[in-house]
Every structure is written in structure tokens, then in C-alpha cells.
Amino acid sequence: MSAERQQRIFDLLQKKRRSTRLPPLVALWTALGARVSPLADERQRELIHCFRAAGSFTLEPTPNLEKALLAFVEQFEMVVVVEWDANEHPAVLLSTKAFARSASKLRSVYRDGFWLADTALSKAIVVSFDEDRAEVEVAALELSYAQG
């Protein structure tokens, strides 16, 4: 089997795993009062590429996660949110108003953390919830998205 065919099968299997995780994720967001839409598979692959291209980053503790998130999203109309493992978990698209209403409850949706990006895939915030402490760490990233 060619490497290209193997990659195509791998991509399809990943897409299938993400699609099976979507209904419970939508239900969690709905419980928070937010309507979300799944990010198209091709767009999610672009998002993953941007995250990888961003390279390494340092997470810094933040005293007020909600304030940091709201400051980030206020410049956009829509945002993309995905769990840490963007390869295996579906990304969703939602309005910044819906995101802002849910910002204080995101740990109930993303227990370990998440990526939050603008729809142009130019900026992102990475959030990590520490299991052992009540600490939240955040990194702001500039993404470079070159449509190929």
C-alpha cells in the first residue's frame, strides 16, 4: 500500500473518531446555553497544522482565566475551540457572545485544557488546567496560516 493511501486511510479514521465524539461535545455546550457548529474536517486539519507550526510555547499561570479569555475573544465575532488533542477531538465554531457566556464553565467541557483560536487561524490561546492544583496556565500564540 502506498504511503499516500495509508495517510488517506489514517485521515479518514481520525475523522471518524472525531465525528463520534461530536454529539456528546455538542450536548455539553448546549447545556451551557451555547450553540456550536462542528468545524469542517479540512479546516480542522489546517488548524492542527497551525498548532504544530507554532512550535513550542511556555504556559504561564494566570490569576483570572475568564478575564484573559474575554480579552482574547472580544476582537472577534466567532472563535474555534478544541480540546488539547486536536487530532482526536472535534473542534467547534461558536460566536464570541456564546463563548463569553460560557467562559466561566469551560472546565466542565474541557477537563484538561483547550485551544481557542480565531477563525482566520492567526491567533490562539492555549489553556491548561492543572489536575493537582487550582492553577490555570495560558499561552498566547501567533499562528501563521499559509493556505497551501
N, C-alpha and C. Protein backbone atom coordinates (compact mmCIF):
# COMPACT_ATOMS: atom_id res chain seq x y z
N MET A 1 0.84 -1.17 0.00
CA MET A 1 0.00 0.00 0.00
C MET A 1 0.90 1.24 0.00
N SER A 2 0.56 2.20 -0.82
CA SER A 2 1.37 3.41 -0.93
C SER A 2 1.25 4.26 0.33
N ALA A 3 2.25 5.09 0.54
CA ALA A 3 2.24 5.97 1.71
C ALA A 3 1.08 6.95 1.63
N GLU A 4 0.76 7.40 0.42
CA GLU A 4 -0.35 8.33 0.24
C GLU A 4 -1.68 7.67 0.62
N ARG A 5 -1.84 6.43 0.22
CA ARG A 5 -3.08 5.70 0.54
C ARG A 5 -3.16 5.44 2.05
N GLN A 6 -2.04 5.08 2.66
CA GLN A 6 -2.02 4.86 4.10
C GLN A 6 -2.40 6.14 4.85
N GLN A 7 -1.87 7.27 4.38
CA GLN A 7 -2.19 8.54 5.02
C GLN A 7 -3.68 8.87 4.87
N ARG A 8 -4.23 8.59 3.71
CA ARG A 8 -5.65 8.84 3.46
C ARG A 8 -6.51 8.00 4.41
N ILE A 9 -6.16 6.74 4.58
CA ILE A 9 -6.91 5.85 5.50
C ILE A 9 -6.78 6.37 6.93
N PHE A 10 -5.57 6.76 7.32
CA PHE A 10 -5.34 7.31 8.66
C PHE A 10 -6.21 8.55 8.88
N ASP A 11 -6.24 9.45 7.89
CA ASP A 11 -7.04 10.68 7.99
C ASP A 11 -8.52 10.35 8.12
N LEU A 12 -9.00 9.39 7.37
CA LEU A 12 -10.40 9.00 7.43
C LEU A 12 -10.76 8.40 8.79
N LEU A 13 -9.87 7.60 9.35
CA LEU A 13 -10.11 7.02 10.67
C LEU A 13 -10.15 8.10 11.75
N GLN A 14 -9.24 9.06 11.64
CA GLN A 14 -9.25 10.18 12.58
C GLN A 14 -10.54 10.98 12.48
N LYS A 15 -10.96 11.23 11.26
CA LYS A 15 -12.21 11.97 11.03
C LYS A 15 -13.38 11.22 11.67
N LYS A 16 -13.39 9.91 11.53
CA LYS A 16 -14.46 9.08 12.10
C LYS A 16 -14.45 9.18 13.63
N ARG A 17 -13.25 9.10 14.24
CA ARG A 17 -13.16 9.20 15.70
C ARG A 17 -13.64 10.57 16.18
N ARG A 18 -13.27 11.62 15.46
CA ARG A 18 -13.73 12.95 15.85
C ARG A 18 -15.25 13.06 15.72
N SER A 19 -15.80 12.49 14.66
CA SER A 19 -17.25 12.60 14.45
C SER A 19 -18.03 11.84 15.53
N THR A 20 -17.48 10.74 16.05
CA THR A 20 -18.17 10.02 17.12
C THR A 20 -18.12 10.78 18.45
N ARG A 21 -17.12 11.63 18.61
CA ARG A 21 -17.00 12.43 19.83
C ARG A 21 -17.80 13.73 19.77
N LEU A 22 -18.33 14.06 18.60
CA LEU A 22 -19.03 15.33 18.43
C LEU A 22 -20.36 15.42 19.18
N PRO A 23 -21.27 14.44 19.08
CA PRO A 23 -22.57 14.60 19.78
C PRO A 23 -22.46 14.86 21.28
N PRO A 24 -21.61 14.14 22.02
CA PRO A 24 -21.51 14.46 23.45
C PRO A 24 -20.95 15.86 23.70
N LEU A 25 -20.04 16.30 22.84
CA LEU A 25 -19.47 17.64 22.98
C LEU A 25 -20.53 18.71 22.72
N VAL A 26 -21.32 18.52 21.69
CA VAL A 26 -22.41 19.46 21.40
C VAL A 26 -23.39 19.49 22.57
N ALA A 27 -23.68 18.35 23.16
CA ALA A 27 -24.59 18.30 24.31
C ALA A 27 -24.03 19.09 25.49
N LEU A 28 -22.74 19.00 25.73
CA LEU A 28 -22.12 19.76 26.83
C LEU A 28 -22.25 21.26 26.59
N TRP A 29 -21.96 21.68 25.36
CA TRP A 29 -22.08 23.10 25.03
C TRP A 29 -23.54 23.56 25.13
N THR A 30 -24.46 22.72 24.67
CA THR A 30 -25.88 23.06 24.74
C THR A 30 -26.31 23.24 26.19
N ALA A 31 -25.81 22.39 27.07
CA ALA A 31 -26.12 22.51 28.49
C ALA A 31 -25.63 23.84 29.07
N LEU A 32 -24.60 24.40 28.46
CA LEU A 32 -24.10 25.70 28.90
C LEU A 32 -24.86 26.85 28.23
N GLY A 33 -25.79 26.51 27.36
CA GLY A 33 -26.58 27.54 26.68
C GLY A 33 -25.96 28.08 25.42
N ALA A 34 -25.01 27.34 24.85
CA ALA A 34 -24.32 27.81 23.65
C ALA A 34 -24.61 26.89 22.47
N ARG A 35 -24.82 27.48 21.33
CA ARG A 35 -24.98 26.71 20.10
C ARG A 35 -23.63 26.68 19.39
N VAL A 36 -23.21 25.48 19.06
CA VAL A 36 -21.92 25.31 18.38
C VAL A 36 -22.13 24.56 17.06
N SER A 37 -21.19 24.76 16.16
CA SER A 37 -21.18 24.02 14.90
C SER A 37 -19.84 23.33 14.78
N PRO A 38 -19.82 22.12 14.23
CA PRO A 38 -18.54 21.45 14.05
C PRO A 38 -17.70 22.18 13.00
N LEU A 39 -16.43 22.23 13.22
CA LEU A 39 -15.52 22.78 12.24
C LEU A 39 -15.35 21.73 11.14
N ALA A 40 -15.36 22.15 9.90
CA ALA A 40 -15.20 21.21 8.79
C ALA A 40 -13.88 20.47 8.93
N ASP A 41 -13.86 19.22 8.50
CA ASP A 41 -12.68 18.38 8.66
C ASP A 41 -11.44 19.00 8.01
N GLU A 42 -11.58 19.52 6.83
CA GLU A 42 -10.42 20.13 6.15
C GLU A 42 -9.90 21.32 6.96
N ARG A 43 -10.82 22.09 7.50
CA ARG A 43 -10.43 23.25 8.30
C ARG A 43 -9.77 22.81 9.60
N GLN A 44 -10.24 21.69 10.17
CA GLN A 44 -9.61 21.20 11.39
C GLN A 44 -8.18 20.74 11.10
N ARG A 45 -7.97 20.11 9.96
CA ARG A 45 -6.60 19.71 9.61
C ARG A 45 -5.70 20.93 9.45
N GLU A 46 -6.24 22.03 8.92
CA GLU A 46 -5.48 23.27 8.80
C GLU A 46 -5.15 23.82 10.20
N LEU A 47 -6.12 23.73 11.10
CA LEU A 47 -5.92 24.19 12.46
C LEU A 47 -4.81 23.39 13.15
N ILE A 48 -4.85 22.08 12.99
CA ILE A 48 -3.81 21.22 13.56
C ILE A 48 -2.45 21.60 13.01
N HIS A 49 -2.39 21.85 11.72
CA HIS A 49 -1.13 22.26 11.08
C HIS A 49 -0.62 23.57 11.71
N CYS A 50 -1.51 24.52 11.93
CA CYS A 50 -1.12 25.79 12.55
C CYS A 50 -0.59 25.58 13.96
N PHE A 51 -1.25 24.73 14.73
CA PHE A 51 -0.80 24.46 16.08
C PHE A 51 0.60 23.85 16.07
N ARG A 52 0.81 22.90 15.18
CA ARG A 52 2.14 22.27 15.09
C ARG A 52 3.20 23.27 14.65
N ALA A 53 2.84 24.12 13.68
CA ALA A 53 3.79 25.09 13.16
C ALA A 53 4.15 26.17 14.19
N ALA A 54 3.28 26.36 15.17
CA ALA A 54 3.54 27.37 16.20
C ALA A 54 4.75 27.00 17.05
N GLY A 55 5.12 25.73 17.03
CA GLY A 55 6.30 25.30 17.78
C GLY A 55 6.04 25.23 19.27
N SER A 56 7.11 25.34 20.01
CA SER A 56 6.99 25.22 21.46
C SER A 56 6.52 26.55 22.06
N PHE A 57 5.94 26.45 23.23
CA PHE A 57 5.46 27.62 23.92
C PHE A 57 5.55 27.35 25.41
N THR A 58 5.51 28.41 26.18
CA THR A 58 5.57 28.29 27.63
C THR A 58 4.25 28.71 28.22
N LEU A 59 3.67 27.83 29.00
CA LEU A 59 2.43 28.14 29.69
C LEU A 59 2.75 28.92 30.96
N GLU A 60 2.02 29.99 31.19
CA GLU A 60 2.21 30.83 32.36
C GLU A 60 0.94 30.82 33.21
N PRO A 61 1.09 30.76 34.53
CA PRO A 61 -0.09 30.81 35.39
C PRO A 61 -0.85 32.12 35.17
N THR A 62 -2.16 32.05 35.23
CA THR A 62 -2.98 33.24 35.12
C THR A 62 -3.93 33.29 36.32
N PRO A 63 -4.02 34.44 36.95
CA PRO A 63 -4.90 34.54 38.11
C PRO A 63 -6.38 34.59 37.75
N ASN A 64 -6.69 35.00 36.51
CA ASN A 64 -8.09 35.15 36.14
C ASN A 64 -8.29 34.66 34.71
N LEU A 65 -8.61 33.39 34.57
CA LEU A 65 -8.78 32.80 33.24
C LEU A 65 -9.90 33.48 32.46
N GLU A 66 -11.02 33.69 33.09
CA GLU A 66 -12.16 34.28 32.39
C GLU A 66 -11.80 35.65 31.80
N LYS A 67 -11.10 36.45 32.56
CA LYS A 67 -10.68 37.77 32.08
C LYS A 67 -9.74 37.64 30.88
N ALA A 68 -8.80 36.71 30.95
CA ALA A 68 -7.86 36.50 29.85
C ALA A 68 -8.59 36.04 28.59
N LEU A 69 -9.54 35.12 28.75
CA LEU A 69 -10.29 34.61 27.60
C LEU A 69 -11.16 35.69 26.98
N LEU A 70 -11.84 36.46 27.80
CA LEU A 70 -12.71 37.51 27.28
C LEU A 70 -11.92 38.60 26.57
N ALA A 71 -10.74 38.91 27.07
CA ALA A 71 -9.89 39.89 26.40
C ALA A 71 -9.45 39.38 25.03
N PHE A 72 -9.22 38.08 24.93
CA PHE A 72 -8.83 37.50 23.66
C PHE A 72 -9.99 37.50 22.66
N VAL A 73 -11.16 37.04 23.07
CA VAL A 73 -12.27 36.86 22.13
C VAL A 73 -12.97 38.16 21.74
N GLU A 74 -12.80 39.23 22.51
CA GLU A 74 -13.54 40.46 22.22
C GLU A 74 -13.23 41.05 20.86
N GLN A 75 -12.11 40.70 20.28
CA GLN A 75 -11.72 41.24 18.98
C GLN A 75 -12.28 40.45 17.79
N PHE A 76 -13.02 39.39 18.07
CA PHE A 76 -13.54 38.52 17.01
C PHE A 76 -15.06 38.37 17.13
N GLU A 77 -15.68 37.93 16.05
CA GLU A 77 -17.11 37.61 16.07
C GLU A 77 -17.35 36.14 16.35
N MET A 78 -16.46 35.30 15.85
CA MET A 78 -16.55 33.84 16.01
C MET A 78 -15.19 33.32 16.45
N VAL A 79 -15.22 32.20 17.18
CA VAL A 79 -13.98 31.55 17.61
C VAL A 79 -14.09 30.04 17.42
N VAL A 80 -12.95 29.40 17.43
CA VAL A 80 -12.84 27.95 17.32
C VAL A 80 -12.28 27.44 18.63
N VAL A 81 -12.89 26.38 19.16
CA VAL A 81 -12.42 25.78 20.41
C VAL A 81 -12.24 24.29 20.17
N VAL A 82 -11.12 23.75 20.67
CA VAL A 82 -10.86 22.32 20.55
C VAL A 82 -10.06 21.85 21.76
N GLU A 83 -10.32 20.64 22.18
CA GLU A 83 -9.58 20.07 23.29
C GLU A 83 -8.10 19.96 22.93
N TRP A 84 -7.28 19.74 23.96
CA TRP A 84 -5.84 19.62 23.79
C TRP A 84 -5.46 18.77 22.59
N ASP A 85 -5.99 17.58 22.51
CA ASP A 85 -5.63 16.68 21.41
C ASP A 85 -6.53 16.96 20.21
N ALA A 86 -6.15 17.94 19.44
CA ALA A 86 -6.95 18.36 18.29
C ALA A 86 -6.99 17.31 17.20
N ASN A 87 -6.06 16.36 17.23
CA ASN A 87 -6.09 15.28 16.25
C ASN A 87 -7.29 14.36 16.46
N GLU A 88 -7.63 14.14 17.71
CA GLU A 88 -8.64 13.14 18.05
C GLU A 88 -9.99 13.72 18.48
N HIS A 89 -10.02 14.99 18.79
CA HIS A 89 -11.25 15.61 19.29
C HIS A 89 -11.75 16.66 18.31
N PRO A 90 -13.07 16.76 18.17
CA PRO A 90 -13.62 17.72 17.20
C PRO A 90 -13.49 19.16 17.68
N ALA A 91 -13.21 20.03 16.73
CA ALA A 91 -13.20 21.47 17.00
C ALA A 91 -14.60 22.00 16.72
N VAL A 92 -15.01 23.00 17.49
CA VAL A 92 -16.31 23.61 17.27
C VAL A 92 -16.14 25.11 17.05
N LEU A 93 -17.09 25.62 16.33
CA LEU A 93 -17.14 27.04 16.00
C LEU A 93 -18.33 27.63 16.74
N LEU A 94 -18.13 28.79 17.39
CA LEU A 94 -19.24 29.43 18.08
C LEU A 94 -19.02 30.93 18.13
N SER A 95 -20.09 31.65 18.36
CA SER A 95 -19.99 33.11 18.45
C SER A 95 -19.23 33.49 19.71
N THR A 96 -18.60 34.64 19.66
CA THR A 96 -17.87 35.09 20.85
C THR A 96 -18.85 35.41 21.98
N LYS A 97 -20.07 35.83 21.64
CA LYS A 97 -21.06 36.09 22.69
C LYS A 97 -21.41 34.80 23.43
N ALA A 98 -21.63 33.73 22.68
CA ALA A 98 -21.92 32.44 23.31
C ALA A 98 -20.72 31.96 24.11
N PHE A 99 -19.53 32.15 23.57
CA PHE A 99 -18.32 31.75 24.29
C PHE A 99 -18.22 32.53 25.60
N ALA A 100 -18.43 33.83 25.53
CA ALA A 100 -18.30 34.68 26.73
C ALA A 100 -19.28 34.25 27.82
N ARG A 101 -20.50 33.88 27.43
CA ARG A 101 -21.49 33.42 28.42
C ARG A 101 -21.05 32.12 29.09
N SER A 102 -20.24 31.33 28.40
CA SER A 102 -19.82 30.02 28.90
C SER A 102 -18.41 30.00 29.48
N ALA A 103 -17.70 31.10 29.39
CA ALA A 103 -16.27 31.13 29.74
C ALA A 103 -15.97 30.64 31.15
N SER A 104 -16.84 30.92 32.09
CA SER A 104 -16.56 30.53 33.47
C SER A 104 -16.77 29.03 33.71
N LYS A 105 -17.36 28.34 32.75
CA LYS A 105 -17.69 26.93 32.94
C LYS A 105 -16.95 25.99 32.00
N LEU A 106 -15.90 26.46 31.36
CA LEU A 106 -15.22 25.66 30.33
C LEU A 106 -14.55 24.41 30.87
N ARG A 107 -14.19 24.41 32.13
CA ARG A 107 -13.56 23.22 32.69
C ARG A 107 -14.51 22.02 32.69
N SER A 108 -15.82 22.28 32.70
CA SER A 108 -16.78 21.18 32.65
C SER A 108 -16.84 20.56 31.26
N VAL A 109 -16.39 21.28 30.25
CA VAL A 109 -16.38 20.76 28.88
C VAL A 109 -15.00 20.20 28.53
N TYR A 110 -13.97 20.93 28.90
CA TYR A 110 -12.59 20.54 28.57
C TYR A 110 -11.82 20.37 29.87
N ARG A 111 -11.81 19.16 30.40
CA ARG A 111 -11.25 18.90 31.73
C ARG A 111 -9.75 19.18 31.84
N ASP A 112 -8.99 18.91 30.80
CA ASP A 112 -7.54 19.10 30.86
C ASP A 112 -7.08 20.43 30.28
N GLY A 113 -7.87 20.98 29.39
CA GLY A 113 -7.49 22.23 28.76
C GLY A 113 -7.98 22.26 27.33
N PHE A 114 -7.68 23.35 26.64
CA PHE A 114 -8.17 23.51 25.27
C PHE A 114 -7.36 24.56 24.52
N TRP A 115 -7.57 24.58 23.24
CA TRP A 115 -7.05 25.61 22.35
C TRP A 115 -8.23 26.49 21.96
N LEU A 116 -8.00 27.78 21.90
CA LEU A 116 -9.01 28.74 21.47
C LEU A 116 -8.36 29.58 20.38
N ALA A 117 -8.97 29.63 19.21
CA ALA A 117 -8.37 30.36 18.09
C ALA A 117 -9.41 31.21 17.38
N ASP A 118 -8.92 32.20 16.67
CA ASP A 118 -9.81 32.97 15.81
C ASP A 118 -10.07 32.17 14.54
N THR A 119 -11.11 32.51 13.81
CA THR A 119 -11.47 31.73 12.63
C THR A 119 -10.48 31.90 11.48
N ALA A 120 -9.69 32.96 11.51
CA ALA A 120 -8.66 33.15 10.47
C ALA A 120 -7.41 32.32 10.76
N LEU A 121 -7.39 31.67 11.93
CA LEU A 121 -6.26 30.86 12.37
C LEU A 121 -4.97 31.68 12.44
N SER A 122 -5.10 32.89 12.97
CA SER A 122 -3.92 33.75 13.10
C SER A 122 -3.48 33.92 14.55
N LYS A 123 -4.40 33.71 15.48
CA LYS A 123 -4.08 33.87 16.90
C LYS A 123 -4.75 32.75 17.68
N ALA A 124 -4.12 32.38 18.78
CA ALA A 124 -4.69 31.33 19.62
C ALA A 124 -4.26 31.53 21.07
N ILE A 125 -5.05 30.96 21.95
CA ILE A 125 -4.69 30.86 23.36
C ILE A 125 -4.75 29.39 23.72
N VAL A 126 -3.76 28.94 24.43
CA VAL A 126 -3.72 27.57 24.91
C VAL A 126 -3.98 27.61 26.41
N VAL A 127 -4.92 26.79 26.86
CA VAL A 127 -5.28 26.76 28.28
C VAL A 127 -5.04 25.36 28.82
N SER A 128 -4.36 25.29 29.94
CA SER A 128 -4.11 24.01 30.61
C SER A 128 -4.64 24.09 32.03
N PHE A 129 -5.49 23.14 32.38
CA PHE A 129 -6.00 23.05 33.74
C PHE A 129 -5.13 22.06 34.49
N ASP A 130 -4.55 22.48 35.59
CA ASP A 130 -3.71 21.61 36.41
C ASP A 130 -4.61 20.75 37.27
N GLU A 131 -4.42 19.44 37.20
CA GLU A 131 -5.26 18.50 37.95
C GLU A 131 -5.05 18.58 39.45
N ASP A 132 -3.81 18.80 39.86
CA ASP A 132 -3.48 18.75 41.27
C ASP A 132 -3.75 20.06 42.01
N ARG A 133 -3.71 21.15 41.28
CA ARG A 133 -3.91 22.46 41.91
C ARG A 133 -5.03 23.18 41.17
N ALA A 134 -5.45 24.26 41.73
CA ALA A 134 -6.49 25.06 41.09
C ALA A 134 -5.87 26.05 40.10
N GLU A 135 -4.66 25.76 39.69
CA GLU A 135 -3.93 26.67 38.81
C GLU A 135 -4.33 26.47 37.35
N VAL A 136 -4.38 27.57 36.65
CA VAL A 136 -4.66 27.56 35.23
C VAL A 136 -3.49 28.21 34.54
N GLU A 137 -2.99 27.58 33.49
CA GLU A 137 -1.87 28.14 32.74
C GLU A 137 -2.33 28.46 31.33
N VAL A 138 -1.80 29.55 30.80
CA VAL A 138 -2.22 30.05 29.50
C VAL A 138 -1.00 30.46 28.69
N ALA A 139 -1.07 30.25 27.39
CA ALA A 139 -0.06 30.77 26.46
C ALA A 139 -0.78 31.40 25.29
N ALA A 140 -0.38 32.61 24.91
CA ALA A 140 -0.94 33.27 23.73
C ALA A 140 0.01 33.03 22.57
N LEU A 141 -0.54 32.66 21.43
CA LEU A 141 0.28 32.33 20.27
C LEU A 141 -0.13 33.13 19.05
N GLU A 142 0.85 33.45 18.24
CA GLU A 142 0.59 33.99 16.90
C GLU A 142 0.74 32.81 15.97
N LEU A 143 -0.30 32.50 15.23
CA LEU A 143 -0.26 31.39 14.29
C LEU A 143 0.04 31.92 12.91
N SER A 144 0.75 31.14 12.14
CA SER A 144 0.96 31.52 10.75
C SER A 144 0.25 30.51 9.88
N TYR A 145 -0.78 30.96 9.25
CA TYR A 145 -1.55 30.07 8.38
C TYR A 145 -1.29 30.46 6.95
N ALA A 146 -0.64 29.57 6.26
CA ALA A 146 -0.39 29.78 4.83
C ALA A 146 -1.21 28.77 4.06
N GLN A 147 -2.21 29.27 3.38
CA GLN A 147 -3.07 28.37 2.63
C GLN A 147 -2.26 27.75 1.52
N GLY A 148 -2.27 26.40 1.49
CA GLY A 148 -1.42 25.72 0.53
C GLY A 148 -2.11 25.16 -0.63
